[in-house]
PDB file of N, CA and C in Angstrom:
ATOM      1  N   UNK A   1       4.450  15.797  -2.073  1.00  0.00           N
ATOM      2  CA  UNK A   1       3.254  16.162  -1.370  1.00  0.00           C
ATOM      3  C   UNK A   1       2.713  14.938  -0.625  1.00  0.00           C
ATOM      4  N   UNK A   2       2.424  15.068   0.641  1.00  0.00           N
ATOM      5  CA  UNK A   2       1.915  13.973   1.452  1.00  0.00           C
ATOM      6  C   UNK A   2       0.455  13.703   1.115  1.00  0.00           C
ATOM      7  N   UNK A   3       0.099  12.447   1.175  1.00  0.00           N
ATOM      8  CA  UNK A   3      -1.275  12.033   0.916  1.00  0.00           C
ATOM      9  C   UNK A   3      -1.939  11.730   2.246  1.00  0.00           C
ATOM     10  N   UNK A   4      -3.105  12.307   2.462  1.00  0.00           N
ATOM     11  CA  UNK A   4      -3.843  12.063   3.691  1.00  0.00           C
ATOM     12  C   UNK A   4      -4.569  10.725   3.584  1.00  0.00           C
ATOM     13  N   UNK A   5      -4.332   9.836   4.529  1.00  0.00           N
ATOM     14  CA  UNK A   5      -4.961   8.521   4.510  1.00  0.00           C
ATOM     15  C   UNK A   5      -5.615   8.257   5.848  1.00  0.00           C
ATOM     16  N   UNK A   6      -6.712   7.543   5.807  1.00  0.00           N
ATOM     17  CA  UNK A   6      -7.441   7.177   7.013  1.00  0.00           C
ATOM     18  C   UNK A   6      -6.913   5.849   7.523  1.00  0.00           C
ATOM     19  N   UNK A   7      -6.596   5.785   8.781  1.00  0.00           N
ATOM     20  CA  UNK A   7      -6.118   4.560   9.401  1.00  0.00           C
ATOM     21  C   UNK A   7      -7.319   3.749   9.869  1.00  0.00           C
ATOM     22  N   UNK A   8      -7.289   2.464   9.589  1.00  0.00           N
ATOM     23  CA  UNK A   8      -8.394   1.595   9.962  1.00  0.00           C
ATOM     24  C   UNK A   8      -7.861   0.244  10.418  1.00  0.00           C
ATOM     25  N   UNK A   9      -8.623  -0.439  11.228  1.00  0.00           N
ATOM     26  CA  UNK A   9      -8.246  -1.784  11.666  1.00  0.00           C
ATOM     27  C   UNK A   9      -8.794  -2.811  10.680  1.00  0.00           C
ATOM     28  N   UNK A  10      -8.129  -3.923  10.558  1.00  0.00           N
ATOM     29  CA  UNK A  10      -8.559  -4.970   9.643  1.00  0.00           C
ATOM     30  C   UNK A  10      -8.344  -6.315  10.314  1.00  0.00           C
ATOM     31  N   UNK A  11      -9.367  -7.136  10.289  1.00  0.00           N
ATOM     32  CA  UNK A  11      -9.248  -8.474  10.857  1.00  0.00           C
ATOM     33  C   UNK A  11      -9.269  -9.483   9.725  1.00  0.00           C
ATOM     34  N   UNK A  12      -8.288 -10.371   9.709  1.00  0.00           N
ATOM     35  CA  UNK A  12      -8.189 -11.416   8.697  1.00  0.00           C
ATOM     36  C   UNK A  12      -8.066 -12.761   9.395  1.00  0.00           C
ATOM     37  N   UNK A  13      -8.638 -13.800   8.786  1.00  0.00           N
ATOM     38  CA  UNK A  13      -8.399 -15.108   9.387  1.00  0.00           C
ATOM     39  C   UNK A  13      -6.948 -15.504   9.101  1.00  0.00           C
ATOM     40  N   UNK A  14      -6.437 -16.417   9.870  1.00  0.00           N
ATOM     41  CA  UNK A  14      -5.010 -16.746   9.829  1.00  0.00           C
ATOM     42  C   UNK A  14      -4.557 -17.238   8.451  1.00  0.00           C
ATOM     43  N   UNK A  15      -5.374 -18.058   7.807  1.00  0.00           N
ATOM     44  CA  UNK A  15      -5.001 -18.598   6.489  1.00  0.00           C
ATOM     45  C   UNK A  15      -4.868 -17.479   5.452  1.00  0.00           C
ATOM     46  N   UNK A  16      -5.823 -16.559   5.436  1.00  0.00           N
ATOM     47  CA  UNK A  16      -5.775 -15.425   4.506  1.00  0.00           C
ATOM     48  C   UNK A  16      -4.556 -14.556   4.807  1.00  0.00           C
ATOM     49  N   UNK A  17      -4.314 -14.296   6.091  1.00  0.00           N
ATOM     50  CA  UNK A  17      -3.164 -13.477   6.491  1.00  0.00           C
ATOM     51  C   UNK A  17      -1.851 -14.095   6.002  1.00  0.00           C
ATOM     52  N   UNK A  18      -1.688 -15.390   6.208  1.00  0.00           N
ATOM     53  CA  UNK A  18      -0.441 -16.044   5.797  1.00  0.00           C
ATOM     54  C   UNK A  18      -0.263 -15.994   4.276  1.00  0.00           C
ATOM     55  N   UNK A  19      -1.356 -16.188   3.557  1.00  0.00           N
ATOM     56  CA  UNK A  19      -1.253 -16.162   2.095  1.00  0.00           C
ATOM     57  C   UNK A  19      -0.946 -14.759   1.576  1.00  0.00           C
ATOM     58  N   UNK A  20      -1.576 -13.757   2.178  1.00  0.00           N
ATOM     59  CA  UNK A  20      -1.308 -12.391   1.711  1.00  0.00           C
ATOM     60  C   UNK A  20       0.111 -11.958   2.060  1.00  0.00           C
ATOM     61  N   UNK A  21       0.654 -12.468   3.166  1.00  0.00           N
ATOM     62  CA  UNK A  21       2.053 -12.164   3.504  1.00  0.00           C
ATOM     63  C   UNK A  21       2.995 -12.758   2.455  1.00  0.00           C
ATOM     64  N   UNK A  22       2.677 -13.941   1.948  1.00  0.00           N
ATOM     65  CA  UNK A  22       3.481 -14.541   0.877  1.00  0.00           C
ATOM     66  C   UNK A  22       3.420 -13.646  -0.359  1.00  0.00           C
ATOM     67  N   UNK A  23       2.218 -13.179  -0.691  1.00  0.00           N
ATOM     68  CA  UNK A  23       2.080 -12.299  -1.845  1.00  0.00           C
ATOM     69  C   UNK A  23       2.839 -10.995  -1.655  1.00  0.00           C
ATOM     70  N   UNK A  24       2.846 -10.467  -0.444  1.00  0.00           N
ATOM     71  CA  UNK A  24       3.603  -9.241  -0.158  1.00  0.00           C
ATOM     72  C   UNK A  24       5.078  -9.437  -0.482  1.00  0.00           C
ATOM     73  N   UNK A  25       5.596 -10.577  -0.074  1.00  0.00           N
ATOM     74  CA  UNK A  25       7.001 -10.866  -0.337  1.00  0.00           C
ATOM     75  C   UNK A  25       7.248 -10.986  -1.836  1.00  0.00           C
ATOM     76  N   UNK A  26       6.384 -11.718  -2.513  1.00  0.00           N
ATOM     77  CA  UNK A  26       6.541 -11.893  -3.964  1.00  0.00           C
ATOM     78  C   UNK A  26       6.431 -10.576  -4.715  1.00  0.00           C
ATOM     79  N   UNK A  27       5.534  -9.721  -4.287  1.00  0.00           N
ATOM     80  CA  UNK A  27       5.288  -8.444  -4.960  1.00  0.00           C
ATOM     81  C   UNK A  27       6.192  -7.318  -4.456  1.00  0.00           C
ATOM     82  N   UNK A  28       6.942  -7.616  -3.400  1.00  0.00           N
ATOM     83  CA  UNK A  28       7.807  -6.611  -2.760  1.00  0.00           C
ATOM     84  C   UNK A  28       7.017  -5.366  -2.363  1.00  0.00           C
ATOM     85  N   UNK A  29       5.895  -5.620  -1.683  1.00  0.00           N
ATOM     86  CA  UNK A  29       5.017  -4.563  -1.186  1.00  0.00           C
ATOM     87  C   UNK A  29       4.796  -4.786   0.300  1.00  0.00           C
ATOM     88  N   UNK A  30       4.434  -3.720   0.985  1.00  0.00           N
ATOM     89  CA  UNK A  30       4.029  -3.874   2.377  1.00  0.00           C
ATOM     90  C   UNK A  30       2.624  -4.469   2.400  1.00  0.00           C
ATOM     91  N   UNK A  31       2.244  -5.023   3.535  1.00  0.00           N
ATOM     92  CA  UNK A  31       0.900  -5.573   3.696  1.00  0.00           C
ATOM     93  C   UNK A  31      -0.145  -4.497   3.400  1.00  0.00           C
ATOM     94  N   UNK A  32       0.024  -3.332   3.988  1.00  0.00           N
ATOM     95  CA  UNK A  32      -0.918  -2.243   3.794  1.00  0.00           C
ATOM     96  C   UNK A  32      -1.002  -1.841   2.323  1.00  0.00           C
ATOM     97  N   UNK A  33       0.140  -1.716   1.672  1.00  0.00           N
ATOM     98  CA  UNK A  33       0.173  -1.303   0.273  1.00  0.00           C
ATOM     99  C   UNK A  33      -0.518  -2.319  -0.624  1.00  0.00           C
ATOM    100  N   UNK A  34      -0.287  -3.604  -0.375  1.00  0.00           N
ATOM    101  CA  UNK A  34      -0.909  -4.642  -1.196  1.00  0.00           C
ATOM    102  C   UNK A  34      -2.421  -4.654  -0.998  1.00  0.00           C
ATOM    103  N   UNK A  35      -2.880  -4.553   0.239  1.00  0.00           N
ATOM    104  CA  UNK A  35      -4.317  -4.547   0.498  1.00  0.00           C
ATOM    105  C   UNK A  35      -4.964  -3.319  -0.142  1.00  0.00           C
ATOM    106  N   UNK A  36      -4.338  -2.166  -0.026  1.00  0.00           N
ATOM    107  CA  UNK A  36      -4.875  -0.949  -0.639  1.00  0.00           C
ATOM    108  C   UNK A  36      -4.967  -1.118  -2.160  1.00  0.00           C
ATOM    109  N   UNK A  37      -3.930  -1.697  -2.765  1.00  0.00           N
ATOM    110  CA  UNK A  37      -3.911  -1.930  -4.211  1.00  0.00           C
ATOM    111  C   UNK A  37      -5.044  -2.875  -4.630  1.00  0.00           C
ATOM    112  N   UNK A  38      -5.211  -3.971  -3.905  1.00  0.00           N
ATOM    113  CA  UNK A  38      -6.251  -4.954  -4.229  1.00  0.00           C
ATOM    114  C   UNK A  38      -7.639  -4.339  -4.100  1.00  0.00           C
ATOM    115  N   UNK A  39      -7.868  -3.574  -3.043  1.00  0.00           N
ATOM    116  CA  UNK A  39      -9.170  -2.922  -2.850  1.00  0.00           C
ATOM    117  C   UNK A  39      -9.426  -1.908  -3.964  1.00  0.00           C
ATOM    118  N   UNK A  40      -8.419  -1.142  -4.331  1.00  0.00           N
ATOM    119  CA  UNK A  40      -8.578  -0.159  -5.407  1.00  0.00           C
ATOM    120  C   UNK A  40      -8.928  -0.842  -6.722  1.00  0.00           C
ATOM    121  N   UNK A  41      -8.264  -1.943  -7.019  1.00  0.00           N
ATOM    122  CA  UNK A  41      -8.575  -2.697  -8.241  1.00  0.00           C
ATOM    123  C   UNK A  41     -10.003  -3.221  -8.214  1.00  0.00           C
ATOM    124  N   UNK A  42     -10.450  -3.712  -7.049  1.00  0.00           N
ATOM    125  CA  UNK A  42     -11.820  -4.205  -6.913  1.00  0.00           C
ATOM    126  C   UNK A  42     -12.818  -3.077  -7.192  1.00  0.00           C
ATOM    127  N   UNK A  43     -12.565  -1.913  -6.617  1.00  0.00           N
ATOM    128  CA  UNK A  43     -13.450  -0.762  -6.820  1.00  0.00           C
ATOM    129  C   UNK A  43     -13.490  -0.377  -8.298  1.00  0.00           C
ATOM    130  N   UNK A  44     -12.337  -0.348  -8.954  1.00  0.00           N
ATOM    131  CA  UNK A  44     -12.289  -0.009 -10.374  1.00  0.00           C
ATOM    132  C   UNK A  44     -13.093  -1.002 -11.207  1.00  0.00           C
ATOM    133  N   UNK A  45     -12.946  -2.298 -10.919  1.00  0.00           N
ATOM    134  CA  UNK A  45     -13.704  -3.329 -11.634  1.00  0.00           C
ATOM    135  C   UNK A  45     -15.201  -3.178 -11.376  1.00  0.00           C
ATOM    136  N   UNK A  46     -15.560  -2.927 -10.133  1.00  0.00           N
ATOM    137  CA  UNK A  46     -16.967  -2.752  -9.769  1.00  0.00           C
ATOM    138  C   UNK A  46     -17.571  -1.562 -10.501  1.00  0.00           C
ATOM    139  N   UNK A  47     -16.857  -0.442 -10.500  1.00  0.00           N
ATOM    140  CA  UNK A  47     -17.367   0.759 -11.156  1.00  0.00           C
ATOM    141  C   UNK A  47     -17.435   0.592 -12.677  1.00  0.00           C
ATOM    142  N   UNK A  48     -16.521  -0.155 -13.244  1.00  0.00           N
ATOM    143  CA  UNK A  48     -16.553  -0.413 -14.682  1.00  0.00           C
ATOM    144  C   UNK A  48     -17.829  -1.196 -15.042  1.00  0.00           C
ATOM    145  N   UNK A  49     -18.217  -2.119 -14.168  1.00  0.00           N
ATOM    146  CA  UNK A  49     -19.400  -2.947 -14.419  1.00  0.00           C
ATOM    147  C   UNK A  49     -20.708  -2.277 -14.001  1.00  0.00           C
ATOM    148  N   UNK A  50     -20.658  -1.418 -12.959  1.00  0.00           N
ATOM    149  CA  UNK A  50     -21.884  -0.903 -12.357  1.00  0.00           C
ATOM    150  C   UNK A  50     -22.017   0.612 -12.346  1.00  0.00           C
ATOM    151  N   UNK A  51     -21.013   1.313 -12.817  1.00  0.00           N
ATOM    152  CA  UNK A  51     -21.032   2.766 -12.783  1.00  0.00           C
ATOM    153  C   UNK A  51     -20.376   3.290 -11.510  1.00  0.00           C
ATOM    154  N   UNK A  52     -20.156   4.592 -11.472  1.00  0.00           N
ATOM    155  CA  UNK A  52     -19.462   5.206 -10.334  1.00  0.00           C
ATOM    156  C   UNK A  52     -20.185   4.992  -9.011  1.00  0.00           C
ATOM    157  N   UNK A  53     -19.421   4.857  -7.970  1.00  0.00           N
ATOM    158  CA  UNK A  53     -19.959   4.761  -6.614  1.00  0.00           C
ATOM    159  C   UNK A  53     -19.985   6.175  -6.054  1.00  0.00           C
ATOM    160  N   UNK A  54     -21.172   6.713  -5.787  1.00  0.00           N
ATOM    161  CA  UNK A  54     -21.235   8.067  -5.223  1.00  0.00           C
ATOM    162  C   UNK A  54     -20.773   8.068  -3.763  1.00  0.00           C
ATOM    163  N   UNK A  55     -19.732   8.807  -3.476  1.00  0.00           N
ATOM    164  CA  UNK A  55     -19.196   8.824  -2.118  1.00  0.00           C
ATOM    165  C   UNK A  55     -20.059   9.636  -1.163  1.00  0.00           C
ATOM    166  N   UNK A  56     -21.033  10.369  -1.691  1.00  0.00           N
ATOM    167  CA  UNK A  56     -21.953  11.120  -0.828  1.00  0.00           C
ATOM    168  C   UNK A  56     -22.755  10.180   0.055  1.00  0.00           C
ATOM    169  N   UNK A  57     -22.939   8.919  -0.400  1.00  0.00           N
ATOM    170  CA  UNK A  57     -23.730   7.954   0.353  1.00  0.00           C
ATOM    171  C   UNK A  57     -23.020   7.441   1.598  1.00  0.00           C
ATOM    172  N   UNK A  58     -21.709   7.605   1.651  1.00  0.00           N
ATOM    173  CA  UNK A  58     -20.932   7.074   2.766  1.00  0.00           C
ATOM    174  C   UNK A  58     -21.211   7.899   4.000  1.00  0.00           C
ATOM    175  N   UNK A  59     -21.559   7.234   5.071  1.00  0.00           N
ATOM    176  CA  UNK A  59     -21.824   7.910   6.337  1.00  0.00           C
ATOM    177  C   UNK A  59     -20.638   7.637   7.274  1.00  0.00           C
ATOM    178  N   UNK A  60     -20.139   8.634   7.949  1.00  0.00           N
ATOM    179  CA  UNK A  60     -19.027   8.447   8.892  1.00  0.00           C
ATOM    180  C   UNK A  60     -19.513   7.832  10.176  1.00  0.00           C
TER     181      UNK A  60
END
C-alpha cells in the first residue's frame, strides 16, 4: 500500500548538509529518509516530555 507524503523544500547550510550526507552513507539511508526519521524521533521525544501535539492546530 502506498503512503501519501507531502513534498516540501528544505534549506540547509552547507556544513549541516555535508555532515548529514556522511550520516546517510553510514546509515545506508537516503537524505529524505534520514531527515524524516530524525524529525519523527524528535516529535516522539517532544510528545513523551510534553504530551501529544494536536494536529488540529496546524494551519495549511
